[in-house]
PDB file of all heavy atoms in Angstrom:
ATOM      1  N   GLN A   1     -61.975  28.523 190.738  1.00  0.00           N
ATOM      2  CA  GLN A   1     -61.405  27.480 189.883  1.00  0.00           C
ATOM      3  C   GLN A   1     -62.054  27.497 188.500  1.00  0.00           C
ATOM      4  O   GLN A   1     -61.374  27.359 187.485  1.00  0.00           O
ATOM      5  CB  GLN A   1     -61.594  26.131 190.568  1.00  0.00           C
ATOM      6  CG  GLN A   1     -60.729  25.030 190.057  1.00  0.00           C
ATOM      7  CD  GLN A   1     -59.254  25.270 190.254  1.00  0.00           C
ATOM      8  OE1 GLN A   1     -58.803  26.043 191.080  1.00  0.00           O
ATOM      9  NE2 GLN A   1     -58.483  24.618 189.428  1.00  0.00           N
ATOM     10  N   ALA A   2     -63.361  27.690 188.441  1.00  0.00           N
ATOM     11  CA  ALA A   2     -64.066  27.734 187.153  1.00  0.00           C
ATOM     12  C   ALA A   2     -63.615  28.938 186.322  1.00  0.00           C
ATOM     13  O   ALA A   2     -63.424  28.816 185.106  1.00  0.00           O
ATOM     14  CB  ALA A   2     -65.575  27.788 187.387  1.00  0.00           C
ATOM     15  N   LEU A   3     -63.428  30.089 186.967  1.00  0.00           N
ATOM     16  CA  LEU A   3     -62.942  31.267 186.247  1.00  0.00           C
ATOM     17  C   LEU A   3     -61.528  31.032 185.729  1.00  0.00           C
ATOM     18  O   LEU A   3     -61.185  31.426 184.601  1.00  0.00           O
ATOM     19  CB  LEU A   3     -62.990  32.499 187.140  1.00  0.00           C
ATOM     20  CG  LEU A   3     -64.387  33.045 187.426  1.00  0.00           C
ATOM     21  CD1 LEU A   3     -64.334  34.065 188.552  1.00  0.00           C
ATOM     22  CD2 LEU A   3     -64.991  33.656 186.179  1.00  0.00           C
ATOM     23  N   ALA A   4     -60.690  30.392 186.523  1.00  0.00           N
ATOM     24  CA  ALA A   4     -59.325  30.073 186.097  1.00  0.00           C
ATOM     25  C   ALA A   4     -59.345  29.170 184.860  1.00  0.00           C
ATOM     26  O   ALA A   4     -58.585  29.391 183.909  1.00  0.00           O
ATOM     27  CB  ALA A   4     -58.560  29.408 187.232  1.00  0.00           C
ATOM     28  N   GLU A   5     -60.214  28.177 184.867  1.00  0.00           N
ATOM     29  CA  GLU A   5     -60.328  27.282 183.709  1.00  0.00           C
ATOM     30  C   GLU A   5     -60.783  28.051 182.473  1.00  0.00           C
ATOM     31  O   GLU A   5     -60.317  27.781 181.363  1.00  0.00           O
ATOM     32  CB  GLU A   5     -61.300  26.148 184.014  1.00  0.00           C
ATOM     33  CG  GLU A   5     -60.767  25.151 185.016  1.00  0.00           C
ATOM     34  CD  GLU A   5     -61.798  24.109 185.430  1.00  0.00           C
ATOM     35  OE1 GLU A   5     -62.826  23.963 184.735  1.00  0.00           O
ATOM     36  OE2 GLU A   5     -61.566  23.453 186.454  1.00  0.00           O
ATOM     37  N   GLY A   6     -61.679  29.022 182.658  1.00  0.00           N
ATOM     38  CA  GLY A   6     -62.127  29.849 181.547  1.00  0.00           C
ATOM     39  C   GLY A   6     -61.001  30.658 180.937  1.00  0.00           C
ATOM     40  O   GLY A   6     -60.875  30.748 179.712  1.00  0.00           O
ATOM     41  N   ILE A   7     -60.159  31.242 181.779  1.00  0.00           N
ATOM     42  CA  ILE A   7     -59.008  32.005 181.278  1.00  0.00           C
ATOM     43  C   ILE A   7     -58.059  31.084 180.531  1.00  0.00           C
ATOM     44  O   ILE A   7     -57.517  31.442 179.483  1.00  0.00           O
ATOM     45  CB  ILE A   7     -58.269  32.708 182.445  1.00  0.00           C
ATOM     46  CG1 ILE A   7     -59.159  33.794 183.057  1.00  0.00           C
ATOM     47  CG2 ILE A   7     -56.928  33.270 181.997  1.00  0.00           C
ATOM     48  CD1 ILE A   7     -59.497  34.935 182.126  1.00  0.00           C
ATOM     49  N   ARG A   8     -57.867  29.880 181.044  1.00  0.00           N
ATOM     50  CA  ARG A   8     -56.930  28.945 180.405  1.00  0.00           C
ATOM     51  C   ARG A   8     -57.433  28.419 179.062  1.00  0.00           C
ATOM     52  O   ARG A   8     -56.661  27.836 178.309  1.00  0.00           O
ATOM     53  CB  ARG A   8     -56.593  27.813 181.357  1.00  0.00           C
ATOM     54  CG  ARG A   8     -55.708  28.314 182.501  1.00  0.00           C
ATOM     55  CD  ARG A   8     -55.070  27.182 183.273  1.00  0.00           C
ATOM     56  NE  ARG A   8     -54.139  27.704 184.241  1.00  0.00           N
ATOM     57  CZ  ARG A   8     -54.337  27.658 185.565  1.00  0.00           C
ATOM     58  NH1 ARG A   8     -55.413  27.101 186.067  1.00  0.00           N
ATOM     59  NH2 ARG A   8     -53.426  28.162 186.373  1.00  0.00           N
ATOM     60  N   LEU A   9     -58.703  28.645 178.760  1.00  0.00           N
ATOM     61  CA  LEU A   9     -59.192  28.305 177.417  1.00  0.00           C
ATOM     62  C   LEU A   9     -58.547  29.210 176.372  1.00  0.00           C
ATOM     63  O   LEU A   9     -58.377  28.816 175.222  1.00  0.00           O
ATOM     64  CB  LEU A   9     -60.713  28.451 177.343  1.00  0.00           C
ATOM     65  CG  LEU A   9     -61.535  27.442 178.118  1.00  0.00           C
ATOM     66  CD1 LEU A   9     -63.017  27.815 178.052  1.00  0.00           C
ATOM     67  CD2 LEU A   9     -61.317  26.032 177.574  1.00  0.00           C
ATOM     68  N   PHE A  10     -58.200  30.427 176.781  1.00  0.00           N
ATOM     69  CA  PHE A  10     -57.597  31.399 175.869  1.00  0.00           C
ATOM     70  C   PHE A  10     -56.078  31.394 175.935  1.00  0.00           C
ATOM     71  O   PHE A  10     -55.417  31.794 174.994  1.00  0.00           O
ATOM     72  CB  PHE A  10     -58.120  32.802 176.176  1.00  0.00           C
ATOM     73  CG  PHE A  10     -59.604  32.920 175.980  1.00  0.00           C
ATOM     74  CD1 PHE A  10     -60.477  32.786 177.043  1.00  0.00           C
ATOM     75  CD2 PHE A  10     -60.130  33.143 174.721  1.00  0.00           C
ATOM     76  CE1 PHE A  10     -61.849  32.883 176.867  1.00  0.00           C
ATOM     77  CE2 PHE A  10     -61.501  33.235 174.526  1.00  0.00           C
ATOM     78  CZ  PHE A  10     -62.370  33.100 175.601  1.00  0.00           C
ATOM     79  N   ASP A  11     -55.514  30.986 177.079  1.00  0.00           N
ATOM     80  CA  ASP A  11     -54.057  30.900 177.235  1.00  0.00           C
ATOM     81  C   ASP A  11     -53.750  29.777 178.217  1.00  0.00           C
ATOM     82  O   ASP A  11     -53.885  29.943 179.430  1.00  0.00           O
ATOM     83  CB  ASP A  11     -53.482  32.219 177.748  1.00  0.00           C
ATOM     84  CG  ASP A  11     -51.962  32.169 177.950  1.00  0.00           C
ATOM     85  OD1 ASP A  11     -51.336  31.147 177.605  1.00  0.00           O
ATOM     86  OD2 ASP A  11     -51.410  33.156 178.463  1.00  0.00           O
ATOM     87  N   GLU A  12     -53.349  28.636 177.689  1.00  0.00           N
ATOM     88  CA  GLU A  12     -53.093  27.484 178.553  1.00  0.00           C
ATOM     89  C   GLU A  12     -51.898  27.696 179.476  1.00  0.00           C
ATOM     90  O   GLU A  12     -51.746  26.984 180.469  1.00  0.00           O
ATOM     91  CB  GLU A  12     -52.919  26.213 177.722  1.00  0.00           C
ATOM     92  CG  GLU A  12     -51.733  26.237 176.800  1.00  0.00           C
ATOM     93  CD  GLU A  12     -51.655  25.022 175.889  1.00  0.00           C
ATOM     94  OE1 GLU A  12     -52.702  24.498 175.507  1.00  0.00           O
ATOM     95  OE2 GLU A  12     -50.525  24.622 175.560  1.00  0.00           O
ATOM     96  N   ASP A  13     -51.066  28.698 179.186  1.00  0.00           N
ATOM     97  CA  ASP A  13     -49.907  29.000 180.028  1.00  0.00           C
ATOM     98  C   ASP A  13     -50.171  30.159 180.988  1.00  0.00           C
ATOM     99  O   ASP A  13     -49.236  30.696 181.590  1.00  0.00           O
ATOM    100  CB  ASP A  13     -48.697  29.341 179.155  1.00  0.00           C
ATOM    101  CG  ASP A  13     -48.273  28.162 178.292  1.00  0.00           C
ATOM    102  OD1 ASP A  13     -48.350  27.012 178.784  1.00  0.00           O
ATOM    103  OD2 ASP A  13     -47.881  28.383 177.135  1.00  0.00           O
ATOM    104  N   ALA A  14     -51.430  30.539 181.146  1.00  0.00           N
ATOM    105  CA  ALA A  14     -51.780  31.646 182.036  1.00  0.00           C
ATOM    106  C   ALA A  14     -51.318  31.354 183.464  1.00  0.00           C
ATOM    107  O   ALA A  14     -51.339  30.206 183.915  1.00  0.00           O
ATOM    108  CB  ALA A  14     -53.289  31.877 182.018  1.00  0.00           C
ATOM    109  N   PHE A  15     -50.901  32.404 184.160  1.00  0.00           N
ATOM    110  CA  PHE A  15     -50.569  32.304 185.571  1.00  0.00           C
ATOM    111  C   PHE A  15     -51.809  32.717 186.352  1.00  0.00           C
ATOM    112  O   PHE A  15     -52.285  33.844 186.210  1.00  0.00           O
ATOM    113  CB  PHE A  15     -49.388  33.218 185.930  1.00  0.00           C
ATOM    114  CG  PHE A  15     -49.105  33.265 187.402  1.00  0.00           C
ATOM    115  CD1 PHE A  15     -48.412  32.235 188.008  1.00  0.00           C
ATOM    116  CD2 PHE A  15     -49.542  34.324 188.174  1.00  0.00           C
ATOM    117  CE1 PHE A  15     -48.150  32.282 189.375  1.00  0.00           C
ATOM    118  CE2 PHE A  15     -49.291  34.376 189.530  1.00  0.00           C
ATOM    119  CZ  PHE A  15     -48.597  33.345 190.141  1.00  0.00           C
ATOM    120  N   VAL A  16     -52.341  31.808 187.159  1.00  0.00           N
ATOM    121  CA  VAL A  16     -53.548  32.095 187.939  1.00  0.00           C
ATOM    122  C   VAL A  16     -53.251  31.831 189.402  1.00  0.00           C
ATOM    123  O   VAL A  16     -52.788  30.735 189.768  1.00  0.00           O
ATOM    124  CB  VAL A  16     -54.740  31.234 187.468  1.00  0.00           C
ATOM    125  CG1 VAL A  16     -55.970  31.550 188.292  1.00  0.00           C
ATOM    126  CG2 VAL A  16     -55.020  31.454 185.984  1.00  0.00           C
ATOM    127  N   HIS A  17     -53.491  32.842 190.226  1.00  0.00           N
ATOM    128  CA  HIS A  17     -53.256  32.731 191.668  1.00  0.00           C
ATOM    129  C   HIS A  17     -54.601  32.857 192.382  1.00  0.00           C
ATOM    130  O   HIS A  17     -55.321  33.837 192.180  1.00  0.00           O
ATOM    131  CB  HIS A  17     -52.297  33.830 192.133  1.00  0.00           C
ATOM    132  CG  HIS A  17     -51.990  33.777 193.588  1.00  0.00           C
ATOM    133  ND1 HIS A  17     -51.236  32.785 194.146  1.00  0.00           N
ATOM    134  CD2 HIS A  17     -52.350  34.597 194.602  1.00  0.00           C
ATOM    135  CE1 HIS A  17     -51.139  32.995 195.442  1.00  0.00           C
ATOM    136  NE2 HIS A  17     -51.816  34.086 195.747  1.00  0.00           N
ATOM    137  N   ILE A  18     -54.931  31.861 193.201  1.00  0.00           N
ATOM    138  CA  ILE A  18     -56.174  31.866 193.972  1.00  0.00           C
ATOM    139  C   ILE A  18     -55.799  31.816 195.446  1.00  0.00           C
ATOM    140  O   ILE A  18     -54.975  30.981 195.848  1.00  0.00           O
ATOM    141  CB  ILE A  18     -57.059  30.652 193.615  1.00  0.00           C
ATOM    142  CG1 ILE A  18     -57.435  30.674 192.136  1.00  0.00           C
ATOM    143  CG2 ILE A  18     -58.309  30.630 194.494  1.00  0.00           C
ATOM    144  CD1 ILE A  18     -58.137  29.411 191.654  1.00  0.00           C
ATOM    145  N   LYS A  19     -56.390  32.709 196.233  1.00  0.00           N
ATOM    146  CA  LYS A  19     -56.112  32.708 197.676  1.00  0.00           C
ATOM    147  C   LYS A  19     -57.340  33.179 198.443  1.00  0.00           C
ATOM    148  O   LYS A  19     -58.220  33.850 197.890  1.00  0.00           O
ATOM    149  CB  LYS A  19     -54.927  33.604 198.007  1.00  0.00           C
ATOM    150  CG  LYS A  19     -55.198  35.077 197.811  1.00  0.00           C
ATOM    151  CD  LYS A  19     -54.058  35.937 198.317  1.00  0.00           C
ATOM    152  CE  LYS A  19     -54.486  37.396 198.313  1.00  0.00           C
ATOM    153  NZ  LYS A  19     -53.733  38.199 199.193  1.00  0.00           N
ATOM    154  N   GLU A  20     -57.397  32.828 199.712  1.00  0.00           N
ATOM    155  CA  GLU A  20     -58.484  33.294 200.569  1.00  0.00           C
ATOM    156  C   GLU A  20     -58.312  34.789 200.819  1.00  0.00           C
ATOM    157  O   GLU A  20     -57.206  35.263 201.051  1.00  0.00           O
ATOM    158  CB  GLU A  20     -58.474  32.565 201.905  1.00  0.00           C
ATOM    159  CG  GLU A  20     -58.966  31.145 201.822  1.00  0.00           C
ATOM    160  CD  GLU A  20     -59.014  30.487 203.185  1.00  0.00           C
ATOM    161  OE1 GLU A  20     -60.050  30.614 203.855  1.00  0.00           O
ATOM    162  OE2 GLU A  20     -57.999  29.864 203.545  1.00  0.00           O
ATOM    163  N   SER A  21     -59.411  35.515 200.791  1.00  0.00           N
ATOM    164  CA  SER A  21     -59.383  36.949 201.062  1.00  0.00           C
ATOM    165  C   SER A  21     -59.061  37.191 202.529  1.00  0.00           C
ATOM    166  O   SER A  21     -59.496  36.443 203.406  1.00  0.00           O
ATOM    167  CB  SER A  21     -60.744  37.569 200.719  1.00  0.00           C
ATOM    168  OG  SER A  21     -60.763  38.922 201.113  1.00  0.00           O
ATOM    169  N   GLN A  22     -58.331  38.242 202.802  1.00  0.00           N
ATOM    170  CA  GLN A  22     -58.023  38.634 204.174  1.00  0.00           C
ATOM    171  C   GLN A  22     -59.159  39.464 204.777  1.00  0.00           C
ATOM    172  O   GLN A  22     -59.205  39.668 205.981  1.00  0.00           O
ATOM    173  CB  GLN A  22     -56.715  39.440 204.207  1.00  0.00           C
ATOM    174  CG  GLN A  22     -55.516  38.665 203.711  1.00  0.00           C
ATOM    175  CD  GLN A  22     -55.208  37.455 204.566  1.00  0.00           C
ATOM    176  OE1 GLN A  22     -55.166  37.537 205.783  1.00  0.00           O
ATOM    177  NE2 GLN A  22     -55.013  36.306 203.929  1.00  0.00           N
ATOM    178  N   ASP A  23     -60.069  39.945 203.930  1.00  0.00           N
ATOM    179  CA  ASP A  23     -61.133  40.846 204.369  1.00  0.00           C
ATOM    180  C   ASP A  23     -62.451  40.156 204.682  1.00  0.00           C
ATOM    181  O   ASP A  23     -63.229  40.627 205.501  1.00  0.00           O
ATOM    182  CB  ASP A  23     -61.386  41.925 203.309  1.00  0.00           C
ATOM    183  CG  ASP A  23     -60.136  42.739 203.024  1.00  0.00           C
ATOM    184  OD1 ASP A  23     -59.359  42.985 203.956  1.00  0.00           O
ATOM    185  OD2 ASP A  23     -59.944  43.111 201.852  1.00  0.00           O
ATOM    186  N   ASP A  24     -62.738  39.048 204.002  1.00  0.00           N
ATOM    187  CA  ASP A  24     -64.033  38.375 204.170  1.00  0.00           C
ATOM    188  C   ASP A  24     -63.888  36.902 203.791  1.00  0.00           C
ATOM    189  O   ASP A  24     -62.774  36.397 203.689  1.00  0.00           O
ATOM    190  CB  ASP A  24     -65.119  39.071 203.340  1.00  0.00           C
ATOM    191  CG  ASP A  24     -64.728  39.266 201.884  1.00  0.00           C
ATOM    192  OD1 ASP A  24     -63.886  38.486 201.378  1.00  0.00           O
ATOM    193  OD2 ASP A  24     -65.260  40.178 201.238  1.00  0.00           O
ATOM    194  N   ASP A  25     -64.994  36.224 203.587  1.00  0.00           N
ATOM    195  CA  ASP A  25     -64.971  34.787 203.277  1.00  0.00           C
ATOM    196  C   ASP A  25     -64.855  34.492 201.788  1.00  0.00           C
ATOM    197  O   ASP A  25     -65.098  33.371 201.363  1.00  0.00           O
ATOM    198  CB  ASP A  25     -66.237  34.119 203.821  1.00  0.00           C
ATOM    199  CG  ASP A  25     -66.268  34.111 205.337  1.00  0.00           C
ATOM    200  OD1 ASP A  25     -65.186  34.141 205.954  1.00  0.00           O
ATOM    201  OD2 ASP A  25     -67.376  34.061 205.905  1.00  0.00           O
ATOM    202  N   PHE A  26     -64.511  35.473 200.995  1.00  0.00           N
ATOM    203  CA  PHE A  26     -64.398  35.293 199.551  1.00  0.00           C
ATOM    204  C   PHE A  26     -63.027  34.716 199.191  1.00  0.00           C
ATOM    205  O   PHE A  26     -62.124  34.650 200.004  1.00  0.00           O
ATOM    206  CB  PHE A  26     -64.594  36.639 198.846  1.00  0.00           C
ATOM    207  CG  PHE A  26     -66.029  37.013 198.638  1.00  0.00           C
ATOM    208  CD1 PHE A  26     -66.947  37.024 199.679  1.00  0.00           C
ATOM    209  CD2 PHE A  26     -66.476  37.381 197.381  1.00  0.00           C
ATOM    210  CE1 PHE A  26     -68.263  37.371 199.481  1.00  0.00           C
ATOM    211  CE2 PHE A  26     -67.802  37.726 197.163  1.00  0.00           C
ATOM    212  CZ  PHE A  26     -68.690  37.724 198.217  1.00  0.00           C
ATOM    213  N   TRP A  27     -62.930  34.301 197.946  1.00  0.00           N
ATOM    214  CA  TRP A  27     -61.673  33.822 197.367  1.00  0.00           C
ATOM    215  C   TRP A  27     -61.244  34.807 196.294  1.00  0.00           C
ATOM    216  O   TRP A  27     -62.043  35.187 195.441  1.00  0.00           O
ATOM    217  CB  TRP A  27     -61.863  32.433 196.760  1.00  0.00           C
ATOM    218  CG  TRP A  27     -62.054  31.391 197.816  1.00  0.00           C
ATOM    219  CD1 TRP A  27     -63.224  31.074 198.442  1.00  0.00           C
ATOM    220  CD2 TRP A  27     -61.051  30.571 198.387  1.00  0.00           C
ATOM    221  NE1 TRP A  27     -63.006  30.093 199.371  1.00  0.00           N
ATOM    222  CE2 TRP A  27     -61.672  29.761 199.359  1.00  0.00           C
ATOM    223  CE3 TRP A  27     -59.680  30.436 198.177  1.00  0.00           C
ATOM    224  CZ2 TRP A  27     -60.973  28.832 200.106  1.00  0.00           C
ATOM    225  CZ3 TRP A  27     -58.991  29.500 198.924  1.00  0.00           C
ATOM    226  CH2 TRP A  27     -59.626  28.721 199.879  1.00  0.00           C
ATOM    227  N   GLU A  28     -60.000  35.228 196.338  1.00  0.00           N
ATOM    228  CA  GLU A  28     -59.465  36.176 195.352  1.00  0.00           C
ATOM    229  C   GLU A  28     -58.733  35.409 194.261  1.00  0.00           C
ATOM    230  O   GLU A  28     -58.018  34.452 194.531  1.00  0.00           O
ATOM    231  CB  GLU A  28     -58.517  37.154 196.031  1.00  0.00           C
ATOM    232  CG  GLU A  28     -59.200  38.032 197.044  1.00  0.00           C
ATOM    233  CD  GLU A  28     -58.262  38.984 197.752  1.00  0.00           C
ATOM    234  OE1 GLU A  28     -57.033  38.929 197.527  1.00  0.00           O
ATOM    235  OE2 GLU A  28     -58.766  39.792 198.558  1.00  0.00           O
ATOM    236  N   ILE A  29     -58.939  35.857 193.046  1.00  0.00           N
ATOM    237  CA  ILE A  29     -58.252  35.256 191.900  1.00  0.00           C
ATOM    238  C   ILE A  29     -57.603  36.366 191.082  1.00  0.00           C
ATOM    239  O   ILE A  29     -58.224  37.383 190.795  1.00  0.00           O
ATOM    240  CB  ILE A  29     -59.222  34.410 191.028  1.00  0.00           C
ATOM    241  CG1 ILE A  29     -58.513  33.906 189.759  1.00  0.00           C
ATOM    242  CG2 ILE A  29     -60.469  35.165 190.675  1.00  0.00           C
ATOM    243  CD1 ILE A  29     -59.345  32.964 188.909  1.00  0.00           C
ATOM    244  N   ILE A  30     -56.352  36.153 190.760  1.00  0.00           N
ATOM    245  CA  ILE A  30     -55.613  37.048 189.860  1.00  0.00           C
ATOM    246  C   ILE A  30     -55.139  36.190 188.696  1.00  0.00           C
ATOM    247  O   ILE A  30     -54.496  35.154 188.896  1.00  0.00           O
ATOM    248  CB  ILE A  30     -54.385  37.682 190.551  1.00  0.00           C
ATOM    249  CG1 ILE A  30     -54.795  38.482 191.781  1.00  0.00           C
ATOM    250  CG2 ILE A  30     -53.595  38.535 189.563  1.00  0.00           C
ATOM    251  CD1 ILE A  30     -55.632  39.702 191.512  1.00  0.00           C
TER     252      ILE A  30
END
């Protein structure tokens, strides 16, 4: 979420997708 907010500082219309990883306990962000 913090990384997504950082990207939105440069583009408030950015598309950010966050989901649980299928491989481990991490969260993936695109």
